[in-house]
Structures are given as C-alpha cells and as structure tokens.
Amino acid sequence: MAERLAVIGILIVVVGIPAGITWSKGQRLAFFLGFLGLGMIWIVAACRLARPSSWWAQRFYGPEKLRRAEERFGARAAALS
C-alpha cells in the first residue's frame, strides 16, 4: 500500500504538475500532445516561455519577461485571450 502511494505521489510531481503549468501557460497544443508523449512534452513546455495573455504570464512575469513573451508570440497572441 505504501509503495502504491509513493508511485502515485511521484506521478503527480513528475507528470501532473508540469501538465498543469503547461495548461496555465496557455500552451494548449503542447498540453494535448503531452498525452501522446507520455508527459515528456509537458516537462519541456513547462520550462518554456508562456503566452503573454496567459494566466501564468500575468501572474508571474515582470515587465522584462512579459516583453520577451510579446516579442516571441507577437501582439496577436496577446489579443487572443
């Protein structure tokens, strides 16, 4: 029983948290592709820059990082949400 709880805890940390971060960063395609890649895509997407209109960018990014996100995704991405 304890082993099962440990495995579930590890799965939540290794897969669940990056999936949630990927979704909150506005990277919907990477989120859905993560199901095919067994979560590896979520780990990579969680480390990448968020869309400027996403909840993550609005909450955690300062002016400099928000400017970088707008340069990368363009003004169109900021207007989508």
N, C-alpha and C. Protein backbone atom coordinates (compact mmCIF):
# COMPACT_ATOMS: atom_id res chain seq x y z
N MET A 1 0.82 -1.20 0.00
CA MET A 1 0.00 0.00 0.00
C MET A 1 0.86 1.26 0.00
N ALA A 2 1.91 1.26 0.80
CA ALA A 2 2.79 2.43 0.87
C ALA A 2 3.52 2.64 -0.46
N GLU A 3 3.85 1.53 -1.12
CA GLU A 3 4.54 1.65 -2.41
C GLU A 3 3.63 2.29 -3.45
N ARG A 4 2.36 1.92 -3.42
CA ARG A 4 1.41 2.50 -4.37
C ARG A 4 1.24 4.00 -4.14
N LEU A 5 1.17 4.39 -2.88
CA LEU A 5 1.06 5.81 -2.57
C LEU A 5 2.30 6.57 -3.01
N ALA A 6 3.46 5.95 -2.86
CA ALA A 6 4.70 6.60 -3.30
C ALA A 6 4.71 6.77 -4.82
N VAL A 7 4.26 5.76 -5.54
CA VAL A 7 4.22 5.83 -7.00
C VAL A 7 3.23 6.91 -7.45
N ILE A 8 2.07 6.97 -6.82
CA ILE A 8 1.08 8.00 -7.16
C ILE A 8 1.64 9.38 -6.87
N GLY A 9 2.32 9.55 -5.76
CA GLY A 9 2.94 10.83 -5.43
C GLY A 9 3.99 11.24 -6.44
N ILE A 10 4.81 10.30 -6.86
CA ILE A 10 5.84 10.59 -7.86
C ILE A 10 5.20 10.96 -9.19
N LEU A 11 4.13 10.26 -9.59
CA LEU A 11 3.45 10.59 -10.84
C LEU A 11 2.84 11.98 -10.79
N ILE A 12 2.29 12.35 -9.67
CA ILE A 12 1.72 13.69 -9.55
C ILE A 12 2.80 14.74 -9.71
N VAL A 13 3.94 14.53 -9.09
CA VAL A 13 5.03 15.51 -9.17
C VAL A 13 5.63 15.55 -10.56
N VAL A 14 5.91 14.39 -11.14
CA VAL A 14 6.64 14.33 -12.41
C VAL A 14 5.74 14.61 -13.61
N VAL A 15 4.46 14.26 -13.53
CA VAL A 15 3.58 14.41 -14.68
C VAL A 15 2.50 15.45 -14.43
N GLY A 16 1.85 15.41 -13.31
CA GLY A 16 0.71 16.28 -13.05
C GLY A 16 1.06 17.75 -12.95
N ILE A 17 2.11 18.06 -12.23
CA ILE A 17 2.49 19.47 -12.06
C ILE A 17 2.93 20.09 -13.39
N PRO A 18 3.81 19.45 -14.17
CA PRO A 18 4.14 20.04 -15.48
C PRO A 18 2.93 20.17 -16.41
N ALA A 19 1.99 19.24 -16.32
CA ALA A 19 0.77 19.35 -17.15
C ALA A 19 -0.03 20.58 -16.76
N GLY A 20 -0.18 20.81 -15.48
CA GLY A 20 -0.91 21.99 -15.02
C GLY A 20 -0.22 23.29 -15.38
N ILE A 21 1.10 23.30 -15.27
CA ILE A 21 1.86 24.50 -15.64
C ILE A 21 1.73 24.76 -17.14
N THR A 22 1.81 23.69 -17.94
CA THR A 22 1.68 23.84 -19.39
C THR A 22 0.32 24.43 -19.75
N TRP A 23 -0.74 23.95 -19.11
CA TRP A 23 -2.08 24.48 -19.38
C TRP A 23 -2.18 25.94 -18.96
N SER A 24 -1.65 26.29 -17.78
CA SER A 24 -1.78 27.67 -17.30
C SER A 24 -0.88 28.64 -18.07
N LYS A 25 0.13 28.14 -18.77
CA LYS A 25 0.96 28.99 -19.60
C LYS A 25 0.34 29.24 -20.97
N GLY A 26 -0.83 28.65 -21.21
CA GLY A 26 -1.53 28.90 -22.46
C GLY A 26 -1.03 28.07 -23.62
N GLN A 27 -0.32 27.02 -23.35
CA GLN A 27 0.22 26.18 -24.42
C GLN A 27 -0.68 24.96 -24.58
N ARG A 28 -1.84 25.20 -25.18
CA ARG A 28 -2.88 24.17 -25.29
C ARG A 28 -2.45 23.01 -26.19
N LEU A 29 -1.80 23.30 -27.31
CA LEU A 29 -1.37 22.23 -28.20
C LEU A 29 -0.35 21.32 -27.51
N ALA A 30 0.60 21.91 -26.81
CA ALA A 30 1.59 21.11 -26.09
C ALA A 30 0.92 20.29 -25.00
N PHE A 31 -0.12 20.83 -24.39
CA PHE A 31 -0.84 20.09 -23.35
C PHE A 31 -1.47 18.83 -23.94
N PHE A 32 -2.15 18.96 -25.07
CA PHE A 32 -2.80 17.80 -25.66
C PHE A 32 -1.79 16.83 -26.27
N LEU A 33 -0.68 17.33 -26.80
CA LEU A 33 0.36 16.44 -27.32
C LEU A 33 1.07 15.70 -26.19
N GLY A 34 1.02 16.24 -24.99
CA GLY A 34 1.64 15.58 -23.84
C GLY A 34 1.03 14.23 -23.53
N PHE A 35 -0.25 14.06 -23.86
CA PHE A 35 -0.87 12.76 -23.66
C PHE A 35 -0.25 11.70 -24.58
N LEU A 36 0.16 12.12 -25.77
CA LEU A 36 0.79 11.18 -26.70
C LEU A 36 2.23 10.89 -26.33
N GLY A 37 2.91 11.90 -25.79
CA GLY A 37 4.32 11.76 -25.43
C GLY A 37 4.54 11.30 -24.01
N LEU A 38 3.51 10.78 -23.37
CA LEU A 38 3.59 10.26 -22.01
C LEU A 38 4.13 11.28 -21.01
N GLY A 39 3.80 12.53 -21.24
CA GLY A 39 4.16 13.57 -20.28
C GLY A 39 5.48 14.26 -20.53
N MET A 40 6.32 13.75 -21.38
CA MET A 40 7.63 14.37 -21.62
C MET A 40 7.47 15.76 -22.24
N ILE A 41 6.50 15.92 -23.07
CA ILE A 41 6.26 17.22 -23.70
C ILE A 41 5.87 18.24 -22.65
N TRP A 42 5.13 17.82 -21.62
CA TRP A 42 4.73 18.74 -20.56
C TRP A 42 5.93 19.27 -19.80
N ILE A 43 6.91 18.45 -19.59
CA ILE A 43 8.10 18.89 -18.86
C ILE A 43 8.83 19.96 -19.66
N VAL A 44 8.95 19.76 -20.96
CA VAL A 44 9.61 20.74 -21.82
C VAL A 44 8.78 22.02 -21.90
N ALA A 45 7.47 21.88 -22.10
CA ALA A 45 6.60 23.05 -22.24
C ALA A 45 6.53 23.85 -20.94
N ALA A 46 6.64 23.19 -19.81
CA ALA A 46 6.60 23.90 -18.53
C ALA A 46 7.83 24.79 -18.35
N CYS A 47 8.91 24.46 -19.01
CA CYS A 47 10.14 25.25 -18.91
C CYS A 47 10.19 26.38 -19.93
N ARG A 48 9.31 26.35 -20.92
CA ARG A 48 9.32 27.37 -21.98
C ARG A 48 8.56 28.62 -21.57
N LEU A 49 8.74 29.66 -22.35
CA LEU A 49 8.10 30.95 -22.10
C LEU A 49 6.60 30.85 -22.32
N ALA A 50 5.83 31.49 -21.45
CA ALA A 50 4.37 31.44 -21.53
C ALA A 50 3.85 32.47 -22.54
N ARG A 51 2.64 32.24 -23.03
CA ARG A 51 1.99 33.23 -23.88
C ARG A 51 1.73 34.48 -23.05
N PRO A 52 1.87 35.67 -23.63
CA PRO A 52 1.71 36.90 -22.85
C PRO A 52 0.31 37.09 -22.28
N SER A 53 -0.70 36.48 -22.87
CA SER A 53 -2.06 36.64 -22.38
C SER A 53 -2.46 35.57 -21.37
N SER A 54 -1.58 34.62 -21.10
CA SER A 54 -1.93 33.52 -20.21
C SER A 54 -1.94 33.96 -18.75
N TRP A 55 -2.60 33.17 -17.95
CA TRP A 55 -2.67 33.42 -16.52
C TRP A 55 -1.26 33.42 -15.92
N TRP A 56 -0.43 32.49 -16.35
CA TRP A 56 0.93 32.36 -15.83
C TRP A 56 1.74 33.64 -16.07
N ALA A 57 1.68 34.17 -17.28
CA ALA A 57 2.45 35.37 -17.61
C ALA A 57 1.94 36.57 -16.82
N GLN A 58 0.64 36.71 -16.71
CA GLN A 58 0.07 37.84 -15.98
C GLN A 58 0.42 37.78 -14.50
N ARG A 59 0.50 36.59 -13.96
CA ARG A 59 0.74 36.41 -12.52
C ARG A 59 2.21 36.49 -12.15
N PHE A 60 3.08 35.87 -12.93
CA PHE A 60 4.46 35.68 -12.52
C PHE A 60 5.51 36.49 -13.29
N TYR A 61 5.16 37.05 -14.43
CA TYR A 61 6.16 37.73 -15.24
C TYR A 61 6.22 39.21 -14.90
N GLY A 62 7.46 39.70 -14.83
CA GLY A 62 7.68 41.13 -14.69
C GLY A 62 7.67 41.78 -16.06
N PRO A 63 7.91 43.09 -16.11
CA PRO A 63 7.83 43.79 -17.40
C PRO A 63 8.82 43.26 -18.45
N GLU A 64 10.02 42.92 -18.02
CA GLU A 64 11.03 42.46 -18.99
C GLU A 64 10.65 41.11 -19.59
N LYS A 65 10.25 40.17 -18.75
CA LYS A 65 9.89 38.85 -19.26
C LYS A 65 8.59 38.90 -20.07
N LEU A 66 7.67 39.75 -19.68
CA LEU A 66 6.43 39.92 -20.44
C LEU A 66 6.74 40.51 -21.82
N ARG A 67 7.69 41.41 -21.90
CA ARG A 67 8.11 41.97 -23.18
C ARG A 67 8.71 40.88 -24.07
N ARG A 68 9.53 40.01 -23.47
CA ARG A 68 10.12 38.89 -24.23
C ARG A 68 9.03 37.97 -24.77
N ALA A 69 8.01 37.71 -23.95
CA ALA A 69 6.91 36.85 -24.39
C ALA A 69 6.14 37.49 -25.54
N GLU A 70 5.93 38.81 -25.46
CA GLU A 70 5.23 39.50 -26.53
C GLU A 70 6.05 39.51 -27.81
N GLU A 71 7.36 39.62 -27.69
CA GLU A 71 8.22 39.55 -28.88
C GLU A 71 8.15 38.17 -29.51
N ARG A 72 8.13 37.15 -28.69
CA ARG A 72 8.14 35.79 -29.21
C ARG A 72 6.81 35.41 -29.84
N PHE A 73 5.71 35.71 -29.16
CA PHE A 73 4.40 35.28 -29.64
C PHE A 73 3.69 36.34 -30.45
N GLY A 74 4.13 37.59 -30.37
CA GLY A 74 3.53 38.65 -31.15
C GLY A 74 2.29 39.24 -30.49
N ALA A 75 1.82 40.34 -31.04
CA ALA A 75 0.66 41.03 -30.49
C ALA A 75 -0.61 40.22 -30.68
N ARG A 76 -0.65 39.37 -31.70
CA ARG A 76 -1.84 38.55 -31.96
C ARG A 76 -2.11 37.60 -30.80
N ALA A 77 -1.06 37.00 -30.23
CA ALA A 77 -1.24 36.09 -29.10
C ALA A 77 -1.75 36.81 -27.87
N ALA A 78 -1.34 38.05 -27.68
CA ALA A 78 -1.80 38.83 -26.54
C ALA A 78 -3.27 39.19 -26.69
N ALA A 79 -3.75 39.33 -27.92
CA ALA A 79 -5.12 39.75 -28.16
C ALA A 79 -6.09 38.55 -28.13
N LEU A 80 -5.58 37.33 -28.23
CA LEU A 80 -6.46 36.17 -28.29
C LEU A 80 -7.23 35.93 -27.00
N SER A 81 -6.61 36.18 -25.87
CA SER A 81 -7.29 35.88 -24.60
C SER A 81 -7.70 37.12 -23.89
